[in-house]
Amino acid sequence: MSFDPQAHLVPHKLEEPIPILFWTPTEFTLAISLMGFGLIMDLWLFGMLGGAGVLIGSRYLGRGAKRGAVQHMLWALGLQLDAPIKTYFKPSWKNDFIP
């Protein structure tokens, strides 16, 4: 029995996200969210323009960027929002459930 190298090949882009209408799932979700917020707030024109701006702008801003740059930016922005939360909640090491 011989080793067959073709049976053990891993596709090059196996972990790439599956695009939704030519966009990554993160960009598409962000655009749809902006459109939804625009509709909910009865500012549908701004919502549609914002969503279209995200979809069109992501193509130009993503050129030359490394994979996962958008997710990292959103994660970094979320960390900046953590500072005001500290004033409302006590530190995690003080949350003792055992008396």
C-alpha atoms as a PDB file:
ATOM      1  CA  MET A   1       0.000   0.000   0.000  1.00  0.00           C
ATOM      2  CA  SER A   2       1.564   3.278  -1.078  1.00  0.00           C
ATOM      3  CA  PHE A   3       1.023   6.795   0.218  1.00  0.00           C
ATOM      4  CA  ASP A   4      -1.164   8.934  -2.031  1.00  0.00           C
ATOM      5  CA  PRO A   5      -0.224  12.638  -1.613  1.00  0.00           C
ATOM      6  CA  GLN A   6      -3.253  13.807  -3.645  1.00  0.00           C
ATOM      7  CA  ALA A   7      -5.602  12.347  -1.020  1.00  0.00           C
ATOM      8  CA  HIS A   8      -4.066  14.552   1.696  1.00  0.00           C
ATOM      9  CA  LEU A   9      -4.063  17.963  -0.006  1.00  0.00           C
ATOM     10  CA  VAL A  10      -5.648  20.856   1.882  1.00  0.00           C
ATOM     11  CA  PRO A  11      -7.210  23.610  -0.256  1.00  0.00           C
ATOM     12  CA  HIS A  12      -5.309  26.906  -0.125  1.00  0.00           C
ATOM     13  CA  LYS A  13      -8.272  29.105   0.857  1.00  0.00           C
ATOM     14  CA  LEU A  14     -10.066  26.643   3.108  1.00  0.00           C
ATOM     15  CA  GLU A  15     -10.736  29.115   5.945  1.00  0.00           C
ATOM     16  CA  GLU A  16     -11.741  32.066   3.778  1.00  0.00           C
ATOM     17  CA  PRO A  17     -15.209  33.416   4.658  1.00  0.00           C
ATOM     18  CA  ILE A  18     -17.914  32.617   2.137  1.00  0.00           C
ATOM     19  CA  PRO A  19     -18.793  35.903   0.404  1.00  0.00           C
ATOM     20  CA  ILE A  20     -22.339  37.244   0.385  1.00  0.00           C
ATOM     21  CA  LEU A  21     -22.939  39.048  -2.924  1.00  0.00           C
ATOM     22  CA  PHE A  22     -19.193  39.820  -3.358  1.00  0.00           C
ATOM     23  CA  TRP A  23     -18.705  41.112   0.216  1.00  0.00           C
ATOM     24  CA  THR A  24     -17.376  39.475   3.363  1.00  0.00           C
ATOM     25  CA  PRO A  25     -19.985  38.579   5.999  1.00  0.00           C
ATOM     26  CA  THR A  26     -18.714  41.325   8.347  1.00  0.00           C
ATOM     27  CA  GLU A  27     -19.100  44.088   5.752  1.00  0.00           C
ATOM     28  CA  PHE A  28     -22.486  42.806   4.664  1.00  0.00           C
ATOM     29  CA  THR A  29     -23.785  42.572   8.251  1.00  0.00           C
ATOM     30  CA  LEU A  30     -22.553  46.089   9.047  1.00  0.00           C
ATOM     31  CA  ALA A  31     -24.243  47.514   5.942  1.00  0.00           C
ATOM     32  CA  ILE A  32     -27.535  45.706   6.585  1.00  0.00           C
ATOM     33  CA  SER A  33     -27.452  46.913  10.209  1.00  0.00           C
ATOM     34  CA  LEU A  34     -27.046  50.533   9.093  1.00  0.00           C
ATOM     35  CA  MET A  35     -29.911  50.132   6.650  1.00  0.00           C
ATOM     36  CA  GLY A  36     -32.080  48.575   9.361  1.00  0.00           C
ATOM     37  CA  PHE A  37     -31.328  51.333  11.869  1.00  0.00           C
ATOM     38  CA  GLY A  38     -32.181  53.892   9.196  1.00  0.00           C
ATOM     39  CA  LEU A  39     -35.544  52.236   8.587  1.00  0.00           C
ATOM     40  CA  ILE A  40     -36.323  51.883  12.294  1.00  0.00           C
ATOM     41  CA  MET A  41     -35.515  55.541  13.012  1.00  0.00           C
ATOM     42  CA  ASP A  42     -37.528  56.678   9.980  1.00  0.00           C
ATOM     43  CA  LEU A  43     -34.361  58.029   8.357  1.00  0.00           C
ATOM     44  CA  TRP A  44     -34.376  55.485   5.570  1.00  0.00           C
ATOM     45  CA  LEU A  45     -32.477  57.709   3.130  1.00  0.00           C
ATOM     46  CA  PHE A  46     -29.526  58.083   5.524  1.00  0.00           C
ATOM     47  CA  GLY A  47     -29.667  54.374   6.344  1.00  0.00           C
ATOM     48  CA  MET A  48     -29.577  53.357   2.706  1.00  0.00           C
ATOM     49  CA  LEU A  49     -26.797  55.829   1.895  1.00  0.00           C
ATOM     50  CA  GLY A  50     -24.820  54.658   4.932  1.00  0.00           C
ATOM     51  CA  GLY A  51     -25.235  50.994   4.006  1.00  0.00           C
ATOM     52  CA  ALA A  52     -24.289  51.644   0.394  1.00  0.00           C
ATOM     53  CA  GLY A  53     -21.327  53.719   1.582  1.00  0.00           C
ATOM     54  CA  VAL A  54     -20.089  50.813   3.698  1.00  0.00           C
ATOM     55  CA  LEU A  55     -20.412  48.346   0.827  1.00  0.00           C
ATOM     56  CA  ILE A  56     -18.774  50.618  -1.736  1.00  0.00           C
ATOM     57  CA  GLY A  57     -16.184  52.058   0.637  1.00  0.00           C
ATOM     58  CA  SER A  58     -15.094  48.662   1.937  1.00  0.00           C
ATOM     59  CA  ARG A  59     -13.869  47.739  -1.518  1.00  0.00           C
ATOM     60  CA  TYR A  60     -11.542  50.746  -1.613  1.00  0.00           C
ATOM     61  CA  LEU A  61     -10.489  50.731   2.041  1.00  0.00           C
ATOM     62  CA  GLY A  62      -9.790  46.998   2.028  1.00  0.00           C
ATOM     63  CA  ARG A  63      -7.185  47.135  -0.733  1.00  0.00           C
ATOM     64  CA  GLY A  64      -3.861  45.967   0.590  1.00  0.00           C
ATOM     65  CA  ALA A  65      -5.228  45.267   4.065  1.00  0.00           C
ATOM     66  CA  LYS A  66      -4.459  42.009   5.763  1.00  0.00           C
ATOM     67  CA  ARG A  67      -7.137  39.394   6.289  1.00  0.00           C
ATOM     68  CA  GLY A  68      -9.284  40.145   9.347  1.00  0.00           C
ATOM     69  CA  ALA A  69      -8.456  43.875   9.475  1.00  0.00           C
ATOM     70  CA  VAL A  70     -12.125  44.900   9.707  1.00  0.00           C
ATOM     71  CA  GLN A  71     -12.818  42.487  12.553  1.00  0.00           C
ATOM     72  CA  HIS A  72      -9.743  43.728  14.409  1.00  0.00           C
ATOM     73  CA  MET A  73     -10.826  47.373  13.976  1.00  0.00           C
ATOM     74  CA  LEU A  74     -14.328  46.623  15.304  1.00  0.00           C
ATOM     75  CA  TRP A  75     -12.793  44.711  18.239  1.00  0.00           C
ATOM     76  CA  ALA A  76     -10.442  47.623  19.013  1.00  0.00           C
ATOM     77  CA  LEU A  77     -13.327  50.121  18.917  1.00  0.00           C
ATOM     78  CA  GLY A  78     -15.252  47.937  21.332  1.00  0.00           C
ATOM     79  CA  LEU A  79     -12.353  47.973  23.789  1.00  0.00           C
ATOM     80  CA  GLN A  80     -12.420  51.766  23.823  1.00  0.00           C
ATOM     81  CA  LEU A  81     -16.034  51.595  24.977  1.00  0.00           C
ATOM     82  CA  ASP A  82     -15.079  49.512  28.023  1.00  0.00           C
ATOM     83  CA  ALA A  83     -13.676  52.441  30.053  1.00  0.00           C
ATOM     84  CA  PRO A  84     -17.054  54.143  30.799  1.00  0.00           C
ATOM     85  CA  ILE A  85     -18.556  50.788  31.774  1.00  0.00           C
ATOM     86  CA  LYS A  86     -16.112  50.505  34.695  1.00  0.00           C
ATOM     87  CA  THR A  87     -17.910  53.315  36.508  1.00  0.00           C
ATOM     88  CA  TYR A  88     -21.215  51.384  36.534  1.00  0.00           C
ATOM     89  CA  PHE A  89     -20.022  47.871  37.384  1.00  0.00           C
ATOM     90  CA  LYS A  90     -17.688  46.668  40.081  1.00  0.00           C
ATOM     91  CA  PRO A  91     -14.520  44.781  39.058  1.00  0.00           C
ATOM     92  CA  SER A  92     -14.884  41.137  38.159  1.00  0.00           C
ATOM     93  CA  TRP A  93     -12.671  39.956  41.033  1.00  0.00           C
ATOM     94  CA  LYS A  94     -15.188  41.478  43.507  1.00  0.00           C
ATOM     95  CA  ASN A  95     -18.095  39.465  42.098  1.00  0.00           C
ATOM     96  CA  ASP A  96     -17.971  36.613  44.578  1.00  0.00           C
ATOM     97  CA  PHE A  97     -20.884  34.244  44.507  1.00  0.00           C
ATOM     98  CA  ILE A  98     -19.477  32.096  47.304  1.00  0.00           C
ATOM     99  CA  PRO A  99     -20.135  33.607  50.790  1.00  0.00           C
END
